[in-house]
């Protein structure tokens, strides 16, 4: 076999040191459900592999009036047109009238009003699911079907049960337009809006049904209509380091400044509305021990977290104008990255050794 030349050896060392895989991290919250649907779910009553991995989710214990309890997981996400929910309820016997009900506080004011949305999916015959789109009729303080009042049934829903003849697990899925044409009976939401919702699992029992609510009877959790996750590349020494910003604002003009150990960008949105950013920064690029966050030059409160590979910086604000955000760390990737320093050291040592051997050869 031919001996490699010095140049070939140097090339191979540099090549092997140049490719570094940087995984992506993300976080969810349980009090406010908000996630962008990078994958549109198939509404068939089955949670397929990876189908809801991009959703916000919360796992809770549902307790009925008779103290019967079930573990359940609620999933939520949206794209530009639809809001999607899935609910998995564990350990219940099958009944065609079992189902999940979503009661919405459309304008997020903490109360139920005329026209607030009401969506449900029943297990139905054979466990295939039956979905209905309804609304709250304040004049008679009751819930009515949209179609029964001249509206349209805009929901798509499905259900399944793992053991129709005994104890098993339910899966319910549904989708509803963010802004349908049925304005009198449906919510009208846009990206960045927040609505309240209560979810109830109704379990049919002899003589009636038992309701298990979350977060509680007459109480509302929040669902925020998410915007897409913004990806920006921080470029250093010809390498791309992806920085992800999940936000309900418009994010623009991202800049990475190595000498200042910081990233900066602009956020904007409808004046008076609340906004947030959750910034995912690779630790191979920038670290904060601690971080500093400034908005328009003013020190800002934030919540830091992270995992082995990424840091997460979360903060909120109220839109008033276009804000300049600066996130500054305490360590930054050096001018000569460690992946290059080691090969340079090896090459320098190799060259020095070769030269010393040549110098020692007798003439």
Foldseek 3Di string as FASTA:
>chain_A
DDDDDLVVVLVVLLVVLPDDDFDFDDDADDQEWEFAQPADADFFADDDVPNQPRWHKDWDWFQWPVRDIWIKMWTWYYYQWKIKIKMKTAWDADDQAWKKKKWKQQQAPLAFDQQTKIKMWGLHPPRFIDIFIWAAHVVVRDIDGQVVVVHDGFKDKTKHFPCNPTITMIMIMMMGTCDDPRPNRYHNDGQFDKMWMKMWTWAADPPGIIITIPPDVSGTGMYHHWDDKDWDFADAPNDTFIKIKTKSWDKDDWYDDQVQQKIKIKTADDAFGKMKIKIKGFPLFHAAPPKFKDKQRHTFDWDWDDDPTIIIIMHMDGHHGIIMMMIHHDDGQDNQHPSRVVSVVVSVVVVVVVVVVVVPDDD
